[in-house]
Protein backbone atom coordinates (compact mmCIF):
# COMPACT_ATOMS: atom_id res chain seq x y z
CA MET A 1 19.63 0.53 3.48
CA SER A 2 18.14 3.28 5.49
CA LYS A 3 15.00 3.72 3.35
CA GLY A 4 13.62 1.50 0.63
CA PHE A 5 11.57 3.97 -1.41
CA GLY A 6 11.88 7.64 -0.45
CA GLU A 7 10.80 10.97 -1.88
CA ASN A 8 14.23 12.55 -1.33
CA ASN A 9 12.52 15.77 -0.15
CA GLY A 10 10.59 16.04 -3.41
CA ALA A 11 6.89 16.68 -3.69
CA GLY A 12 4.90 15.40 -6.63
CA THR A 13 2.94 12.45 -7.87
CA ILE A 14 4.50 9.00 -7.75
CA LYS A 15 3.57 5.75 -9.50
CA LEU A 16 4.60 2.51 -7.82
CA ILE A 17 3.57 -0.86 -9.23
CA ASN A 18 4.65 -4.32 -7.97
CA ASN A 19 7.34 -3.25 -5.50
CA ILE A 20 8.53 -4.78 -2.26
CA GLY A 21 10.54 -3.31 0.60
CA LEU A 22 12.48 -5.85 2.61
CA GLY A 23 12.61 -4.27 6.07
CA ASN A 24 14.73 -1.12 5.74
CA VAL A 25 15.89 0.65 8.91
CA LYS A 26 13.88 3.88 8.51
CA GLY A 27 10.98 2.31 6.60
CA ASP A 28 10.40 0.57 3.31
CA TYR A 29 8.25 3.41 1.94
CA VAL A 30 8.93 6.95 3.18
CA LEU A 31 6.81 8.96 0.78
CA ASP A 32 4.77 11.29 2.95
CA LEU A 33 5.56 14.36 0.80
CA MET A 34 4.31 12.67 -2.37
CA LYS A 35 0.85 12.05 -3.79
CA ALA A 36 0.05 8.59 -5.09
CA GLY A 37 -0.68 8.50 -8.79
CA THR A 38 -0.76 4.73 -9.06
CA PHE A 39 -0.12 2.48 -6.08
CA THR A 40 -0.62 -1.15 -7.06
CA ASN A 41 0.65 -4.27 -5.28
CA ASP A 42 3.26 -2.47 -3.18
CA GLN A 43 4.32 -4.57 -0.21
CA SER A 44 6.50 -4.07 2.84
CA PHE A 45 8.24 -6.24 5.42
CA ALA A 46 8.47 -3.31 7.85
CA VAL A 47 5.60 -2.52 10.16
CA LYS A 48 7.18 0.66 11.53
CA GLY A 49 8.57 3.63 9.62
CA ASN A 50 6.36 3.43 6.54
CA LYS A 51 4.83 6.73 5.48
CA ALA A 52 2.51 6.22 2.54
CA SER A 53 1.83 8.85 -0.08
CA GLU A 54 -1.48 10.64 0.14
CA GLY A 55 -3.89 8.18 -1.45
CA GLY A 56 -1.34 5.35 -1.40
CA ASN A 57 -1.72 1.95 0.22
CA ILE A 58 1.11 -0.27 1.40
CA MET A 59 0.39 -3.90 2.27
CA ILE A 60 2.41 -5.54 5.05
CA VAL A 61 3.61 -9.01 4.05
CA ASP A 62 2.45 -11.76 6.43
CA ALA A 63 5.32 -12.43 8.86
CA GLY A 64 5.03 -16.18 8.21
CA LYS A 65 5.80 -15.67 4.50
CA GLN A 66 8.66 -13.20 4.83
CA ALA A 67 11.51 -15.74 5.16
CA THR A 68 10.41 -17.61 2.03
CA ILE A 69 10.07 -14.41 0.01
CA ARG A 70 13.44 -13.09 1.22
CA ALA A 71 15.12 -16.39 0.24
CA LYS A 72 13.62 -16.20 -3.26
CA VAL A 73 14.75 -12.59 -3.67
CA GLU A 74 18.27 -13.39 -2.48
CA LYS A 75 18.44 -16.36 -4.86
CA ALA A 76 17.32 -14.17 -7.78
CA ILE A 77 19.98 -11.57 -6.90
CA ALA A 78 22.67 -14.27 -6.72
CA ASN A 79 21.59 -15.60 -10.12
CA MET A 80 21.76 -12.12 -11.66
CA ARG A 81 25.25 -11.58 -10.23
CA GLN A 82 26.41 -14.91 -11.68
CA GLU A 83 25.02 -14.02 -15.10
CA LEU A 84 26.69 -10.61 -15.03
CA SER A 85 30.07 -11.99 -13.97
CA ALA A 86 29.95 -14.68 -16.68
CA LYS A 87 29.68 -12.09 -19.47
CA LYS A 88 32.12 -9.45 -20.60
CA PHE A 89 30.64 -6.08 -21.36
CA GLN A 90 32.19 -3.52 -23.66
CA HIS A 91 31.74 0.22 -23.34
CA ILE A 92 30.37 1.76 -26.50
């Protein structure tokens, strides 16, 4: 992805709780037009490109932990895909 979390040219107040950006090309958080309403436990793999909301704080994940976290996220995504493919969904 180009951006993880972006304001899409919108201005306003944003609430972000327990999010992680995994090293997007243009930044994990590109929210410089927004104001932070709630910014809690938001983490990034990217050092460059992040633009926090006014009043927001983005923590950079320790480089030594990034590979382990990425592996866990990828495993969780694979598990979700398996669960989805194993079930048949009907449109209502």
